[in-house]
């Protein structure tokens, strides 16, 4: 293999895994590699995971608050009619 061919191959492998330095020709290949070889090690992944968990807690709190509100409405309607 000539130096010119080697240089072209390096240029075609433009996407580099920041964790293990493995090189890929396509960004989608790098993404697949990172999700399989390094699950949970990406800052972006961990940030998204934290945001998802926070939103789920917020939804649960909202559901609980709405339940309490509806119960208090039912009680006040019952007292007003009773």
N, C-alpha and C. Protein backbone atom coordinates (compact mmCIF):
# COMPACT_ATOMS: atom_id res chain seq x y z
N UNK A 1 0.86 -1.18 0.00
CA UNK A 1 0.00 0.00 0.00
C UNK A 1 0.90 1.24 0.00
N UNK A 2 0.60 2.21 -0.83
CA UNK A 2 1.42 3.41 -0.92
C UNK A 2 1.06 4.38 0.20
N UNK A 3 1.91 5.33 0.45
CA UNK A 3 1.67 6.34 1.47
C UNK A 3 0.43 7.17 1.10
N UNK A 4 0.25 7.39 -0.22
CA UNK A 4 -0.91 8.15 -0.69
C UNK A 4 -2.21 7.42 -0.37
N UNK A 5 -2.25 6.10 -0.58
CA UNK A 5 -3.44 5.30 -0.27
C UNK A 5 -3.70 5.33 1.24
N UNK A 6 -2.67 5.18 2.02
CA UNK A 6 -2.80 5.19 3.47
C UNK A 6 -3.37 6.52 3.96
N UNK A 7 -2.88 7.61 3.36
CA UNK A 7 -3.36 8.93 3.73
C UNK A 7 -4.84 9.09 3.38
N UNK A 8 -5.26 8.60 2.20
CA UNK A 8 -6.67 8.68 1.81
C UNK A 8 -7.55 7.85 2.75
N UNK A 9 -7.06 6.69 3.18
CA UNK A 9 -7.83 5.86 4.12
C UNK A 9 -8.01 6.59 5.44
N UNK A 10 -6.94 7.24 5.94
CA UNK A 10 -7.05 7.99 7.19
C UNK A 10 -8.07 9.11 7.07
N UNK A 11 -8.08 9.79 5.91
CA UNK A 11 -9.03 10.87 5.69
C UNK A 11 -10.46 10.34 5.63
N UNK A 12 -10.64 9.15 5.07
CA UNK A 12 -11.98 8.60 4.96
C UNK A 12 -12.51 8.10 6.31
N UNK A 13 -11.61 7.89 7.27
CA UNK A 13 -12.02 7.48 8.61
C UNK A 13 -12.01 8.72 9.52
N UNK A 14 -12.90 9.64 9.20
CA UNK A 14 -12.89 10.96 9.83
C UNK A 14 -13.56 11.01 11.20
N UNK A 15 -14.33 10.01 11.55
CA UNK A 15 -15.07 10.03 12.81
C UNK A 15 -14.35 9.17 13.83
N UNK A 16 -13.97 9.78 14.95
CA UNK A 16 -13.14 9.11 15.95
C UNK A 16 -13.90 9.01 17.27
N UNK A 17 -13.88 7.83 17.86
CA UNK A 17 -14.48 7.62 19.18
C UNK A 17 -13.58 8.31 20.21
N UNK A 18 -14.14 9.21 20.99
CA UNK A 18 -13.36 9.95 21.98
C UNK A 18 -12.96 9.07 23.17
N UNK A 19 -13.59 7.92 23.30
CA UNK A 19 -13.30 7.04 24.42
C UNK A 19 -12.17 6.08 24.11
N UNK A 20 -12.22 5.41 22.95
CA UNK A 20 -11.22 4.40 22.62
C UNK A 20 -10.37 4.74 21.39
N UNK A 21 -10.63 5.88 20.78
CA UNK A 21 -9.87 6.36 19.62
C UNK A 21 -10.08 5.54 18.34
N UNK A 22 -11.03 4.62 18.32
CA UNK A 22 -11.31 3.85 17.12
C UNK A 22 -11.90 4.80 16.07
N UNK A 23 -11.53 4.59 14.80
CA UNK A 23 -11.93 5.48 13.72
C UNK A 23 -13.01 4.84 12.84
N UNK A 24 -13.92 5.70 12.32
CA UNK A 24 -15.02 5.23 11.50
C UNK A 24 -15.20 6.14 10.29
N UNK A 25 -15.72 5.55 9.23
CA UNK A 25 -15.94 6.29 7.99
C UNK A 25 -17.22 7.12 8.04
N UNK A 26 -18.21 6.66 8.80
CA UNK A 26 -19.51 7.33 8.85
C UNK A 26 -19.88 7.66 10.29
N UNK A 27 -20.56 8.78 10.47
CA UNK A 27 -20.98 9.18 11.82
C UNK A 27 -21.94 8.16 12.42
N UNK A 28 -22.77 7.55 11.57
CA UNK A 28 -23.73 6.56 12.09
C UNK A 28 -23.01 5.32 12.62
N UNK A 29 -21.90 4.97 11.99
CA UNK A 29 -21.11 3.83 12.47
C UNK A 29 -20.50 4.16 13.83
N UNK A 30 -20.02 5.38 13.96
CA UNK A 30 -19.46 5.81 15.26
C UNK A 30 -20.56 5.79 16.33
N UNK A 31 -21.74 6.29 15.98
CA UNK A 31 -22.84 6.29 16.95
C UNK A 31 -23.22 4.89 17.38
N UNK A 32 -23.30 3.97 16.44
CA UNK A 32 -23.60 2.58 16.78
C UNK A 32 -22.53 1.97 17.66
N UNK A 33 -21.28 2.24 17.33
CA UNK A 33 -20.16 1.73 18.12
C UNK A 33 -20.24 2.25 19.56
N UNK A 34 -20.47 3.57 19.71
CA UNK A 34 -20.50 4.15 21.05
C UNK A 34 -21.64 3.58 21.89
N UNK A 35 -22.79 3.37 21.26
CA UNK A 35 -23.93 2.86 22.04
C UNK A 35 -23.73 1.41 22.46
N UNK A 36 -22.99 0.64 21.66
CA UNK A 36 -22.77 -0.77 22.00
C UNK A 36 -21.50 -0.98 22.83
N UNK A 37 -20.42 -0.31 22.46
CA UNK A 37 -19.13 -0.55 23.13
C UNK A 37 -18.96 0.27 24.40
N UNK A 38 -19.63 1.41 24.48
CA UNK A 38 -19.44 2.30 25.63
C UNK A 38 -20.78 2.81 26.18
N UNK A 39 -21.71 1.95 26.52
CA UNK A 39 -23.02 2.43 26.98
C UNK A 39 -22.89 3.21 28.28
N UNK A 40 -23.57 4.33 28.34
CA UNK A 40 -23.59 5.13 29.57
C UNK A 40 -22.34 5.93 29.83
N UNK A 41 -21.40 5.99 28.89
CA UNK A 41 -20.15 6.71 29.13
C UNK A 41 -20.12 8.08 28.46
N UNK A 42 -21.12 8.40 27.69
CA UNK A 42 -21.15 9.67 26.96
C UNK A 42 -21.78 10.75 27.84
N UNK A 43 -21.19 11.94 27.84
CA UNK A 43 -21.76 13.06 28.60
C UNK A 43 -23.14 13.40 28.09
N UNK A 44 -23.30 13.40 26.77
CA UNK A 44 -24.61 13.73 26.19
C UNK A 44 -25.64 12.69 26.61
N UNK A 45 -25.28 11.41 26.57
CA UNK A 45 -26.20 10.34 26.98
C UNK A 45 -26.61 10.52 28.44
N UNK A 46 -25.62 10.75 29.30
CA UNK A 46 -25.91 10.90 30.72
C UNK A 46 -26.78 12.13 30.99
N UNK A 47 -26.55 13.21 30.24
CA UNK A 47 -27.38 14.41 30.39
C UNK A 47 -28.82 14.12 29.98
N UNK A 48 -28.99 13.46 28.83
CA UNK A 48 -30.34 13.13 28.36
C UNK A 48 -31.04 12.21 29.35
N UNK A 49 -30.31 11.27 29.91
CA UNK A 49 -30.89 10.34 30.88
C UNK A 49 -31.36 11.10 32.12
N UNK A 50 -30.55 12.04 32.59
CA UNK A 50 -30.93 12.83 33.76
C UNK A 50 -32.16 13.68 33.47
N UNK A 51 -32.22 14.28 32.28
CA UNK A 51 -33.38 15.09 31.89
C UNK A 51 -34.64 14.23 31.84
N UNK A 52 -34.52 13.02 31.25
CA UNK A 52 -35.68 12.11 31.18
C UNK A 52 -36.17 11.75 32.58
N UNK A 53 -35.23 11.47 33.49
CA UNK A 53 -35.61 11.09 34.86
C UNK A 53 -36.29 12.27 35.56
N UNK A 54 -35.75 13.47 35.38
CA UNK A 54 -36.34 14.66 35.99
C UNK A 54 -37.75 14.90 35.46
N UNK A 55 -37.92 14.76 34.15
CA UNK A 55 -39.26 14.97 33.57
C UNK A 55 -40.25 13.93 34.05
N UNK A 56 -39.81 12.70 34.22
CA UNK A 56 -40.71 11.66 34.73
C UNK A 56 -41.13 11.99 36.16
N UNK A 57 -40.20 12.47 36.98
CA UNK A 57 -40.54 12.87 38.35
C UNK A 57 -41.53 14.04 38.33
N UNK A 58 -41.31 14.99 37.43
CA UNK A 58 -42.22 16.12 37.32
C UNK A 58 -43.62 15.66 36.90
N UNK A 59 -43.70 14.72 35.96
CA UNK A 59 -45.01 14.20 35.54
C UNK A 59 -45.71 13.47 36.69
N UNK A 60 -44.95 12.70 37.43
CA UNK A 60 -45.53 11.97 38.57
C UNK A 60 -46.03 12.95 39.63
N UNK A 61 -45.27 13.98 39.90
CA UNK A 61 -45.70 15.00 40.86
C UNK A 61 -46.97 15.69 40.37
N UNK A 62 -47.02 16.00 39.08
CA UNK A 62 -48.21 16.64 38.51
C UNK A 62 -49.43 15.72 38.64
N UNK A 63 -49.26 14.43 38.32
CA UNK A 63 -50.40 13.49 38.45
C UNK A 63 -50.88 13.41 39.90
N UNK A 64 -49.95 13.36 40.82
CA UNK A 64 -50.31 13.27 42.24
C UNK A 64 -51.04 14.54 42.68
N UNK A 65 -50.53 15.70 42.27
CA UNK A 65 -51.15 16.97 42.63
C UNK A 65 -52.56 17.06 42.06
N UNK A 66 -52.75 16.64 40.82
CA UNK A 66 -54.07 16.67 40.21
C UNK A 66 -55.04 15.74 40.94
N UNK A 67 -54.55 14.57 41.35
CA UNK A 67 -55.39 13.65 42.11
C UNK A 67 -55.86 14.30 43.42
N UNK A 68 -54.94 14.93 44.14
CA UNK A 68 -55.29 15.59 45.40
C UNK A 68 -56.28 16.72 45.17
N UNK A 69 -56.06 17.48 44.11
CA UNK A 69 -56.96 18.59 43.77
C UNK A 69 -58.36 18.07 43.46
N UNK A 70 -58.45 17.01 42.66
CA UNK A 70 -59.76 16.44 42.33
C UNK A 70 -60.45 15.88 43.56
N UNK A 71 -59.70 15.24 44.44
CA UNK A 71 -60.29 14.72 45.68
C UNK A 71 -60.83 15.85 46.55
N UNK A 72 -60.06 16.95 46.63
CA UNK A 72 -60.53 18.06 47.46
C UNK A 72 -61.78 18.71 46.84
N UNK A 73 -61.85 18.75 45.51
CA UNK A 73 -63.05 19.27 44.86
C UNK A 73 -64.25 18.38 45.17
N UNK A 74 -64.06 17.09 45.10
CA UNK A 74 -65.16 16.14 45.37
C UNK A 74 -65.62 16.30 46.83
N UNK A 75 -64.68 16.46 47.74
CA UNK A 75 -65.05 16.62 49.15
C UNK A 75 -65.82 17.92 49.36
N UNK A 76 -65.34 19.01 48.74
CA UNK A 76 -66.02 20.30 48.93
C UNK A 76 -67.41 20.29 48.28
N UNK A 77 -67.58 19.60 47.16
CA UNK A 77 -68.90 19.47 46.53
C UNK A 77 -69.82 18.65 47.42
N UNK A 78 -69.27 17.61 48.03
CA UNK A 78 -70.06 16.78 48.92
C UNK A 78 -70.52 17.53 50.15
N UNK A 79 -69.66 18.38 50.69
CA UNK A 79 -70.02 19.18 51.87
C UNK A 79 -71.05 20.26 51.50
N UNK A 80 -70.92 20.80 50.31
CA UNK A 80 -71.86 21.85 49.88
C UNK A 80 -73.25 21.26 49.63
N UNK A 81 -73.32 20.02 49.13
CA UNK A 81 -74.58 19.36 48.86
C UNK A 81 -75.16 18.70 50.09
N UNK A 82 -74.34 18.42 51.09
CA UNK A 82 -74.74 17.62 52.23
C UNK A 82 -75.41 18.38 53.26
